Amino acid sequence: MNDSKSPSLQSLVSLAPGERRQIGEVRGQGSIRQRLLDMGLLPKQTIRMERIALGGAPVWVELNGSHLALRREEAEMILVGEEA
Protein backbone atom coordinates (compact mmCIF):
# COMPACT_ATOMS: atom_id res chain seq x y z
CA MET A 1 0.00 0.00 0.00
CA ASN A 2 1.16 3.53 -0.73
CA ASP A 3 2.64 5.47 2.22
CA SER A 4 0.94 8.72 1.25
CA LYS A 5 -2.16 9.36 3.31
CA SER A 6 -5.36 9.26 1.29
CA PRO A 7 -7.16 12.61 1.52
CA SER A 8 -10.38 10.76 2.39
CA LEU A 9 -8.88 9.18 5.53
CA GLN A 10 -8.52 10.93 8.88
CA SER A 11 -7.33 9.95 12.31
CA LEU A 12 -9.83 8.33 14.67
CA VAL A 13 -9.15 11.05 17.26
CA SER A 14 -10.62 13.67 14.93
CA LEU A 15 -14.12 12.20 15.30
CA ALA A 16 -16.78 13.73 17.51
CA PRO A 17 -18.52 11.59 20.14
CA GLY A 18 -21.22 9.47 18.52
CA GLU A 19 -19.72 9.53 15.03
CA ARG A 20 -19.49 6.19 13.23
CA ARG A 21 -16.91 5.56 10.54
CA GLN A 22 -15.42 2.69 8.64
CA ILE A 23 -11.80 1.84 9.44
CA GLY A 24 -9.71 2.47 6.35
CA GLU A 25 -6.22 1.65 7.55
CA VAL A 26 -4.31 0.68 10.69
CA ARG A 27 -0.85 2.21 10.75
CA GLY A 28 2.08 1.53 13.02
CA GLN A 29 4.56 -1.29 13.21
CA GLY A 30 5.43 -4.33 15.21
CA SER A 31 3.68 -5.34 18.39
CA ILE A 32 1.59 -2.16 18.73
CA ARG A 33 0.03 -2.61 15.29
CA GLN A 34 -0.45 -6.33 15.93
CA ARG A 35 -2.20 -5.55 19.24
CA LEU A 36 -4.65 -3.25 17.46
CA LEU A 37 -5.36 -5.85 14.79
CA ASP A 38 -5.81 -8.54 17.46
CA MET A 39 -8.40 -6.31 19.15
CA GLY A 40 -10.44 -6.45 15.93
CA LEU A 41 -9.49 -3.00 14.65
CA LEU A 42 -9.43 -4.08 11.03
CA PRO A 43 -10.10 -2.28 7.76
CA LYS A 44 -13.78 -2.16 6.77
CA GLN A 45 -14.97 -2.58 10.39
CA THR A 46 -17.36 0.06 11.72
CA ILE A 47 -16.12 1.97 14.75
CA ARG A 48 -17.97 4.54 16.86
CA MET A 49 -16.26 7.25 18.87
CA GLU A 50 -17.60 7.29 22.42
CA ARG A 51 -15.43 9.89 24.09
CA ILE A 52 -11.92 11.22 24.63
CA ALA A 53 -10.71 11.97 28.16
CA LEU A 54 -10.02 15.61 29.01
CA GLY A 55 -6.27 15.07 28.85
CA GLY A 56 -6.56 13.41 25.43
CA ALA A 57 -6.21 9.84 26.68
CA PRO A 58 -7.68 7.36 26.88
CA VAL A 59 -9.93 7.30 23.86
CA TRP A 60 -13.06 5.16 24.25
CA VAL A 61 -14.61 3.55 21.19
CA GLU A 62 -17.24 0.94 20.41
CA LEU A 63 -16.45 -1.85 17.96
CA ASN A 64 -18.80 -4.75 17.23
CA GLY A 65 -20.65 -4.26 20.51
CA SER A 66 -17.45 -4.12 22.59
CA HIS A 67 -16.19 -1.02 24.34
CA LEU A 68 -12.45 -0.42 24.00
CA ALA A 69 -10.12 2.06 25.68
CA LEU A 70 -7.13 3.04 23.55
CA ARG A 71 -4.07 5.12 24.26
CA ARG A 72 -4.11 8.31 22.20
CA GLU A 73 -1.04 7.15 20.26
CA GLU A 74 -2.89 3.96 19.32
CA ALA A 75 -6.03 5.84 18.29
CA GLU A 76 -3.94 8.12 16.07
CA MET A 77 -2.73 5.04 14.15
CA ILE A 78 -6.28 4.17 13.17
CA LEU A 79 -7.39 6.00 10.04
CA VAL A 80 -11.09 6.13 9.28
CA GLY A 81 -12.94 6.92 6.10
CA GLU A 82 -16.53 7.19 5.08
CA GLU A 83 -19.45 7.41 7.47
CA ALA A 84 -20.98 4.10 8.41
PDB file of N, CA and C in Angstrom:
ATOM      1  N   MET A   1       0.844  -1.186   0.000  1.00  0.00           N
ATOM      2  CA  MET A   1       0.000   0.000   0.000  1.00  0.00           C
ATOM      3  C   MET A   1       0.881   1.237   0.000  1.00  0.00           C
ATOM      4  N   ASN A   2       0.437   2.275  -0.620  1.00  0.00           N
ATOM      5  CA  ASN A   2       1.164   3.528  -0.731  1.00  0.00           C
ATOM      6  C   ASN A   2       1.279   4.198   0.630  1.00  0.00           C
ATOM      7  N   ASP A   3       2.441   4.804   0.936  1.00  0.00           N
ATOM      8  CA  ASP A   3       2.644   5.466   2.221  1.00  0.00           C
ATOM      9  C   ASP A   3       1.981   6.834   2.306  1.00  0.00           C
ATOM     10  N   SER A   4       1.577   7.409   1.176  1.00  0.00           N
ATOM     11  CA  SER A   4       0.942   8.722   1.246  1.00  0.00           C
ATOM     12  C   SER A   4      -0.485   8.567   1.761  1.00  0.00           C
ATOM     13  N   LYS A   5      -0.837   9.432   2.695  1.00  0.00           N
ATOM     14  CA  LYS A   5      -2.163   9.360   3.312  1.00  0.00           C
ATOM     15  C   LYS A   5      -3.224   9.768   2.297  1.00  0.00           C
ATOM     16  N   SER A   6      -4.246   8.942   2.182  1.00  0.00           N
ATOM     17  CA  SER A   6      -5.359   9.264   1.294  1.00  0.00           C
ATOM     18  C   SER A   6      -6.098  10.466   1.864  1.00  0.00           C
ATOM     19  N   PRO A   7      -6.474  11.431   1.015  1.00  0.00           N
ATOM     20  CA  PRO A   7      -7.163  12.610   1.523  1.00  0.00           C
ATOM     21  C   PRO A   7      -8.518  12.281   2.143  1.00  0.00           C
ATOM     22  N   SER A   8      -9.084  11.115   1.841  1.00  0.00           N
ATOM     23  CA  SER A   8     -10.383  10.758   2.386  1.00  0.00           C
ATOM     24  C   SER A   8     -10.278  10.106   3.762  1.00  0.00           C
ATOM     25  N   LEU A   9      -9.071   9.807   4.221  1.00  0.00           N
ATOM     26  CA  LEU A   9      -8.880   9.183   5.530  1.00  0.00           C
ATOM     27  C   LEU A   9      -8.446  10.221   6.555  1.00  0.00           C
ATOM     28  N   GLN A  10      -8.933  10.038   7.792  1.00  0.00           N
ATOM     29  CA  GLN A  10      -8.519  10.927   8.881  1.00  0.00           C
ATOM     30  C   GLN A  10      -8.326  10.089  10.132  1.00  0.00           C
ATOM     31  N   SER A  11      -7.613  10.643  11.067  1.00  0.00           N
ATOM     32  CA  SER A  11      -7.332   9.947  12.311  1.00  0.00           C
ATOM     33  C   SER A  11      -8.609   9.746  13.125  1.00  0.00           C
ATOM     34  N   LEU A  12      -8.700   8.635  13.800  1.00  0.00           N
ATOM     35  CA  LEU A  12      -9.830   8.326  14.665  1.00  0.00           C
ATOM     36  C   LEU A  12     -10.063   9.428  15.697  1.00  0.00           C
ATOM     37  N   VAL A  13      -8.997  10.030  16.207  1.00  0.00           N
ATOM     38  CA  VAL A  13      -9.147  11.046  17.257  1.00  0.00           C
ATOM     39  C   VAL A  13      -9.811  12.325  16.758  1.00  0.00           C
ATOM     40  N   SER A  14      -9.975  12.469  15.458  1.00  0.00           N
ATOM     41  CA  SER A  14     -10.623  13.667  14.926  1.00  0.00           C
ATOM     42  C   SER A  14     -12.156  13.561  14.947  1.00  0.00           C
ATOM     43  N   LEU A  15     -12.678  12.393  15.283  1.00  0.00           N
ATOM     44  CA  LEU A  15     -14.122  12.204  15.298  1.00  0.00           C
ATOM     45  C   LEU A  15     -14.756  12.806  16.545  1.00  0.00           C
ATOM     46  N   ALA A  16     -15.990  13.234  16.386  1.00  0.00           N
ATOM     47  CA  ALA A  16     -16.777  13.733  17.514  1.00  0.00           C
ATOM     48  C   ALA A  16     -17.477  12.547  18.183  1.00  0.00           C
ATOM     49  N   PRO A  17     -17.785  12.664  19.465  1.00  0.00           N
ATOM     50  CA  PRO A  17     -18.518  11.592  20.137  1.00  0.00           C
ATOM     51  C   PRO A  17     -19.801  11.249  19.384  1.00  0.00           C
ATOM     52  N   GLY A  18     -20.036   9.951  19.218  1.00  0.00           N
ATOM     53  CA  GLY A  18     -21.215   9.474  18.519  1.00  0.00           C
ATOM     54  C   GLY A  18     -21.013   9.215  17.043  1.00  0.00           C
ATOM     55  N   GLU A  19     -19.957   9.742  16.457  1.00  0.00           N
ATOM     56  CA  GLU A  19     -19.716   9.532  15.025  1.00  0.00           C
ATOM     57  C   GLU A  19     -19.299   8.089  14.763  1.00  0.00           C
ATOM     58  N   ARG A  20     -19.835   7.540  13.677  1.00  0.00           N
ATOM     59  CA  ARG A  20     -19.486   6.185  13.230  1.00  0.00           C
ATOM     60  C   ARG A  20     -18.752   6.306  11.894  1.00  0.00           C
ATOM     61  N   ARG A  21     -17.680   5.571  11.785  1.00  0.00           N
ATOM     62  CA  ARG A  21     -16.911   5.555  10.536  1.00  0.00           C
ATOM     63  C   ARG A  21     -16.414   4.146  10.260  1.00  0.00           C
ATOM     64  N   GLN A  22     -16.015   3.953   9.039  1.00  0.00           N
ATOM     65  CA  GLN A  22     -15.421   2.686   8.642  1.00  0.00           C
ATOM     66  C   GLN A  22     -13.902   2.815   8.751  1.00  0.00           C
ATOM     67  N   ILE A  23     -13.263   1.835   9.353  1.00  0.00           N
ATOM     68  CA  ILE A  23     -11.804   1.844   9.444  1.00  0.00           C
ATOM     69  C   ILE A  23     -11.242   1.651   8.036  1.00  0.00           C
ATOM     70  N   GLY A  24     -10.333   2.541   7.673  1.00  0.00           N
ATOM     71  CA  GLY A  24      -9.715   2.470   6.353  1.00  0.00           C
ATOM     72  C   GLY A  24      -8.331   1.847   6.389  1.00  0.00           C
ATOM     73  N   GLU A  25      -7.605   2.116   7.469  1.00  0.00           N
ATOM     74  CA  GLU A  25      -6.217   1.654   7.554  1.00  0.00           C
ATOM     75  C   GLU A  25      -5.766   1.667   9.008  1.00  0.00           C
ATOM     76  N   VAL A  26      -4.925   0.704   9.359  1.00  0.00           N
ATOM     77  CA  VAL A  26      -4.306   0.685  10.685  1.00  0.00           C
ATOM     78  C   VAL A  26      -2.815   0.830  10.455  1.00  0.00           C
ATOM     79  N   ARG A  27      -2.275   1.931  10.930  1.00  0.00           N
ATOM     80  CA  ARG A  27      -0.846   2.214  10.748  1.00  0.00           C
ATOM     81  C   ARG A  27      -0.052   1.674  11.925  1.00  0.00           C
ATOM     82  N   GLY A  28       1.218   1.990  11.943  1.00  0.00           N
ATOM     83  CA  GLY A  28       2.081   1.530  13.023  1.00  0.00           C
ATOM     84  C   GLY A  28       2.856   0.297  12.596  1.00  0.00           C
ATOM     85  N   GLN A  29       3.705  -0.145  13.505  1.00  0.00           N
ATOM     86  CA  GLN A  29       4.564  -1.285  13.211  1.00  0.00           C
ATOM     87  C   GLN A  29       4.683  -2.194  14.422  1.00  0.00           C
ATOM     88  N   GLY A  30       5.088  -3.396  14.155  1.00  0.00           N
ATOM     89  CA  GLY A  30       5.428  -4.334  15.205  1.00  0.00           C
ATOM     90  C   GLY A  30       4.290  -4.693  16.136  1.00  0.00           C
ATOM     91  N   SER A  31       4.633  -4.817  17.413  1.00  0.00           N
ATOM     92  CA  SER A  31       3.682  -5.335  18.394  1.00  0.00           C
ATOM     93  C   SER A  31       2.501  -4.402  18.641  1.00  0.00           C
ATOM     94  N   ILE A  32       2.710  -3.090  18.512  1.00  0.00           N
ATOM     95  CA  ILE A  32       1.594  -2.164  18.730  1.00  0.00           C
ATOM     96  C   ILE A  32       0.542  -2.350  17.630  1.00  0.00           C
ATOM     97  N   ARG A  33       0.974  -2.399  16.397  1.00  0.00           N
ATOM     98  CA  ARG A  33       0.032  -2.611  15.286  1.00  0.00           C
ATOM     99  C   ARG A  33      -0.644  -3.965  15.435  1.00  0.00           C
ATOM    100  N   GLN A  34       0.116  -4.992  15.773  1.00  0.00           N
ATOM    101  CA  GLN A  34      -0.450  -6.328  15.925  1.00  0.00           C
ATOM    102  C   GLN A  34      -1.487  -6.360  17.040  1.00  0.00           C
ATOM    103  N   ARG A  35      -1.236  -5.631  18.127  1.00  0.00           N
ATOM    104  CA  ARG A  35      -2.198  -5.553  19.240  1.00  0.00           C
ATOM    105  C   ARG A  35      -3.520  -4.952  18.764  1.00  0.00           C
ATOM    106  N   LEU A  36      -3.440  -3.881  17.989  1.00  0.00           N
ATOM    107  CA  LEU A  36      -4.650  -3.247  17.463  1.00  0.00           C
ATOM    108  C   LEU A  36      -5.422  -4.203  16.559  1.00  0.00           C
ATOM    109  N   LEU A  37      -4.714  -4.891  15.685  1.00  0.00           N
ATOM    110  CA  LEU A  37      -5.357  -5.850  14.792  1.00  0.00           C
ATOM    111  C   LEU A  37      -5.992  -6.993  15.587  1.00  0.00           C
ATOM    112  N   ASP A  38      -5.288  -7.470  16.611  1.00  0.00           N
ATOM    113  CA  ASP A  38      -5.815  -8.543  17.456  1.00  0.00           C
ATOM    114  C   ASP A  38      -7.072  -8.119  18.207  1.00  0.00           C
ATOM    115  N   MET A  39      -7.215  -6.825  18.481  1.00  0.00           N
ATOM    116  CA  MET A  39      -8.401  -6.305  19.154  1.00  0.00           C
ATOM    117  C   MET A  39      -9.585  -6.205  18.189  1.00  0.00           C
ATOM    118  N   GLY A  40      -9.367  -6.499  16.918  1.00  0.00           N
ATOM    119  CA  GLY A  40     -10.442  -6.445  15.933  1.00  0.00           C
ATOM    120  C   GLY A  40     -10.513  -5.138  15.167  1.00  0.00           C
ATOM    121  N   LEU A  41      -9.526  -4.283  15.358  1.00  0.00           N
ATOM    122  CA  LEU A  41      -9.486  -2.999  14.653  1.00  0.00           C
ATOM    123  C   LEU A  41      -8.918  -3.246  13.259  1.00  0.00           C
ATOM    124  N   LEU A  42      -9.809  -3.669  12.379  1.00  0.00           N
ATOM    125  CA  LEU A  42      -9.427  -4.083  11.032  1.00  0.00           C
ATOM    126  C   LEU A  42     -10.100  -3.199   9.994  1.00  0.00           C
ATOM    127  N   PRO A  43      -9.462  -3.037   8.829  1.00  0.00           N
ATOM    128  CA  PRO A  43     -10.105  -2.282   7.761  1.00  0.00           C
ATOM    129  C   PRO A  43     -11.497  -2.826   7.452  1.00  0.00           C
ATOM    130  N   LYS A  44     -12.387  -1.912   7.126  1.00  0.00           N
ATOM    131  CA  LYS A  44     -13.780  -2.159   6.767  1.00  0.00           C
ATOM    132  C   LYS A  44     -14.691  -2.425   7.972  1.00  0.00           C
ATOM    133  N   GLN A  45     -14.143  -2.440   9.192  1.00  0.00           N
ATOM    134  CA  GLN A  45     -14.973  -2.578  10.386  1.00  0.00           C
ATOM    135  C   GLN A  45     -15.539  -1.205  10.744  1.00  0.00           C
ATOM    136  N   THR A  46     -16.741  -1.187  11.285  1.00  0.00           N
ATOM    137  CA  THR A  46     -17.359   0.063  11.718  1.00  0.00           C
ATOM    138  C   THR A  46     -16.984   0.339  13.161  1.00  0.00           C
ATOM    139  N   ILE A  47     -16.541   1.554  13.418  1.00  0.00           N
ATOM    140  CA  ILE A  47     -16.119   1.967  14.754  1.00  0.00           C
ATOM    141  C   ILE A  47     -16.888   3.232  15.129  1.00  0.00           C
ATOM    142  N   ARG A  48     -17.251   3.351  16.396  1.00  0.00           N
ATOM    143  CA  ARG A  48     -17.967   4.544  16.864  1.00  0.00           C
ATOM    144  C   ARG A  48     -17.173   5.200  17.976  1.00  0.00           C
ATOM    145  N   MET A  49     -16.937   6.489  17.836  1.00  0.00           N
ATOM    146  CA  MET A  49     -16.259   7.249  18.874  1.00  0.00           C
ATOM    147  C   MET A  49     -17.217   7.426  20.046  1.00  0.00           C
ATOM    148  N   GLU A  50     -16.789   7.056  21.228  1.00  0.00           N
ATOM    149  CA  GLU A  50     -17.602   7.287  22.416  1.00  0.00           C
ATOM    150  C   GLU A  50     -17.181   8.580  23.099  1.00  0.00           C
ATOM    151  N   ARG A  51     -15.908   8.658  23.479  1.00  0.00           N
ATOM    152  CA  ARG A  51     -15.428   9.894  24.092  1.00  0.00           C
ATOM    153  C   ARG A  51     -13.905   9.865  24.198  1.00  0.00           C
ATOM    154  N   ILE A  52     -13.353  11.059  24.401  1.00  0.00           N
ATOM    155  CA  ILE A  52     -11.916  11.224  24.631  1.00  0.00           C
ATOM    156  C   ILE A  52     -11.777  11.906  25.983  1.00  0.00           C
ATOM    157  N   ALA A  53     -10.922  11.385  26.839  1.00  0.00           N
ATOM    158  CA  ALA A  53     -10.709  11.970  28.157  1.00  0.00           C
ATOM    159  C   ALA A  53     -10.192  13.400  28.021  1.00  0.00           C
ATOM    160  N   LEU A  54     -10.417  14.195  29.043  1.00  0.00           N
ATOM    161  CA  LEU A  54     -10.018  15.612  29.010  1.00  0.00           C
ATOM    162  C   LEU A  54      -8.551  15.806  28.651  1.00  0.00           C
ATOM    163  N   GLY A  55      -7.689  14.959  29.146  1.00  0.00           N
ATOM    164  CA  GLY A  55      -6.266  15.072  28.846  1.00  0.00           C
ATOM    165  C   GLY A  55      -5.878  14.492  27.496  1.00  0.00           C
ATOM    166  N   GLY A  56      -6.847  13.973  26.749  1.00  0.00           N
ATOM    167  CA  GLY A  56      -6.561  13.408  25.434  1.00  0.00           C
ATOM    168  C   GLY A  56      -6.410  11.903  25.427  1.00  0.00           C
ATOM    169  N   ALA A  57      -6.327  11.293  26.594  1.00  0.00           N
ATOM    170  CA  ALA A  57      -6.205   9.835  26.681  1.00  0.00           C
ATOM    171  C   ALA A  57      -6.827   9.383  27.993  1.00  0.00           C
ATOM    172  N   PRO A  58      -7.469   8.256  28.010  1.00  0.00           N
ATOM    173  CA  PRO A  58      -7.677   7.357  26.879  1.00  0.00           C
ATOM    174  C   PRO A  58      -8.781   7.828  25.948  1.00  0.00           C
ATOM    175  N   VAL A  59      -8.883   7.082  24.856  1.00  0.00           N
ATOM    176  CA  VAL A  59      -9.933   7.297  23.863  1.00  0.00           C
ATOM    177  C   VAL A  59     -10.831   6.064  23.928  1.00  0.00           C
ATOM    178  N   TRP A  60     -12.116   6.279  24.172  1.00  0.00           N
ATOM    179  CA  TRP A  60     -13.056   5.161  24.254  1.00  0.00           C
ATOM    180  C   TRP A  60     -13.832   5.042  22.960  1.00  0.00           C
ATOM    181  N   VAL A  61     -13.891   3.817  22.430  1.00  0.00           N
ATOM    182  CA  VAL A  61     -14.614   3.546  21.192  1.00  0.00           C
ATOM    183  C   VAL A  61     -15.478   2.300  21.365  1.00  0.00           C
ATOM    184  N   GLU A  62     -16.419   2.143  20.440  1.00  0.00           N
ATOM    185  CA  GLU A  62     -17.240   0.940  20.415  1.00  0.00           C
ATOM    186  C   GLU A  62     -17.011   0.251  19.083  1.00  0.00           C
ATOM    187  N   LEU A  63     -16.751  -1.052  19.141  1.00  0.00           N
ATOM    188  CA  LEU A  63     -16.455  -1.849  17.957  1.00  0.00           C
ATOM    189  C   LEU A  63     -17.162  -3.183  18.105  1.00  0.00           C
ATOM    190  N   ASN A  64     -18.077  -3.475  17.214  1.00  0.00           N
ATOM    191  CA  ASN A  64     -18.801  -4.750  17.231  1.00  0.00           C
ATOM    192  C   ASN A  64     -19.426  -5.061  18.589  1.00  0.00           C
ATOM    193  N   GLY A  65     -19.989  -4.060  19.222  1.00  0.00           N
ATOM    194  CA  GLY A  65     -20.655  -4.259  20.508  1.00  0.00           C
ATOM    195  C   GLY A  65     -19.738  -4.249  21.712  1.00  0.00           C
ATOM    196  N   SER A  66     -18.431  -4.181  21.485  1.00  0.00           N
ATOM    197  CA  SER A  66     -17.452  -4.123  22.588  1.00  0.00           C
ATOM    198  C   SER A  66     -16.988  -2.696  22.780  1.00  0.00           C
ATOM    199  N   HIS A  67     -16.702  -2.344  24.016  1.00  0.00           N
ATOM    200  CA  HIS A  67     -16.186  -1.019  24.345  1.00  0.00           C
ATOM    201  C   HIS A  67     -14.693  -1.149  24.616  1.00  0.00           C
ATOM    202  N   LEU A  68     -13.907  -0.360  23.897  1.00  0.00           N
ATOM    203  CA  LEU A  68     -12.452  -0.425  23.999  1.00  0.00           C
ATOM    204  C   LEU A  68     -11.893   0.907  24.457  1.00  0.00           C
ATOM    205  N   ALA A  69     -10.863   0.866  25.286  1.00  0.00           N
ATOM    206  CA  ALA A  69     -10.120   2.061  25.681  1.00  0.00           C
ATOM    207  C   ALA A  69      -8.750   1.974  25.020  1.00  0.00           C
ATOM    208  N   LEU A  70      -8.409   3.004  24.265  1.00  0.00           N
ATOM    209  CA  LEU A  70      -7.133   3.040  23.546  1.00  0.00           C
ATOM    210  C   LEU A  70      -6.279   4.188  24.051  1.00  0.00           C
ATOM    211  N   ARG A  71      -4.971   4.003  24.016  1.00  0.00           N
ATOM    212  CA  ARG A  71      -4.066   5.120  24.258  1.00  0.00           C
ATOM    213  C   ARG A  71      -4.214   6.073  23.069  1.00  0.00           C
ATOM    214  N   ARG A  72      -3.973   7.332  23.298  1.00  0.00           N
ATOM    215  CA  ARG A  72      -4.113   8.306  22.203  1.00  0.00           C
ATOM    216  C   ARG A  72      -3.194   7.937  21.031  1.00  0.00           C
ATOM    217  N   GLU A  73      -1.982   7.516  21.328  1.00  0.00           N
ATOM    218  CA  GLU A  73      -1.036   7.149  20.260  1.00  0.00           C
ATOM    219  C   GLU A  73      -1.600   6.011  19.413  1.00  0.00           C
ATOM    220  N   GLU A  74      -2.282   5.068  20.053  1.00  0.00           N
ATOM    221  CA  GLU A  74      -2.887   3.957  19.316  1.00  0.00           C
ATOM    222  C   GLU A  74      -4.038   4.468  18.448  1.00  0.00           C
ATOM    223  N   ALA A  75      -4.883   5.310  19.030  1.00  0.00           N
ATOM    224  CA  ALA A  75      -6.029   5.843  18.292  1.00  0.00           C
ATOM    225  C   ALA A  75      -5.577   6.655  17.085  1.00  0.00           C
ATOM    226  N   GLU A  76      -4.452   7.327  17.185  1.00  0.00           N
ATOM    227  CA  GLU A  76      -3.935   8.121  16.068  1.00  0.00           C
ATOM    228  C   GLU A  76      -3.467   7.240  14.916  1.00  0.00           C
ATOM    229  N   MET A  77      -3.167   5.969  15.194  1.00  0.00           N
ATOM    230  CA  MET A  77      -2.733   5.039  14.151  1.00  0.00           C
ATOM    231  C   MET A  77      -3.893   4.492  13.342  1.00  0.00           C
ATOM    232  N   ILE A  78      -5.104   4.681  13.836  1.00  0.00           N
ATOM    233  CA  ILE A  78      -6.282   4.170  13.169  1.00  0.00           C
ATOM    234  C   ILE A  78      -6.866   5.276  12.284  1.00  0.00           C
ATOM    235  N   LEU A  79      -6.864   5.020  10.980  1.00  0.00           N
ATOM    236  CA  LEU A  79      -7.395   5.999  10.036  1.00  0.00           C
ATOM    237  C   LEU A  79      -8.776   5.524   9.594  1.00  0.00           C
ATOM    238  N   VAL A  80      -9.711   6.454   9.629  1.00  0.00           N
ATOM    239  CA  VAL A  80     -11.093   6.131   9.282  1.00  0.00           C
ATOM    240  C   VAL A  80     -11.505   6.877   8.028  1.00  0.00           C
ATOM    241  N   GLY A  81     -12.486   6.324   7.338  1.00  0.00           N
ATOM    242  CA  GLY A  81     -12.942   6.924   6.097  1.00  0.00           C
ATOM    243  C   GLY A  81     -14.388   7.317   6.179  1.00  0.00           C
ATOM    244  N   GLU A  82     -15.144   6.777   5.259  1.00  0.00           N
ATOM    245  CA  GLU A  82     -16.529   7.193   5.080  1.00  0.00           C
ATOM    246  C   GLU A  82     -17.409   6.875   6.282  1.00  0.00           C
ATOM    247  N   GLU A  83     -18.490   7.640   6.396  1.00  0.00           N
ATOM    248  CA  GLU A  83     -19.453   7.414   7.466  1.00  0.00           C
ATOM    249  C   GLU A  83     -20.096   6.062   7.307  1.00  0.00           C
ATOM    250  N   ALA A  84     -20.378   5.445   8.435  1.00  0.00           N
ATOM    251  CA  ALA A  84     -20.983   4.096   8.411  1.00  0.00           C
ATOM    252  C   ALA A  84     -22.405   4.176   8.919  1.00  0.00           C
TER     253      ALA A  84
END
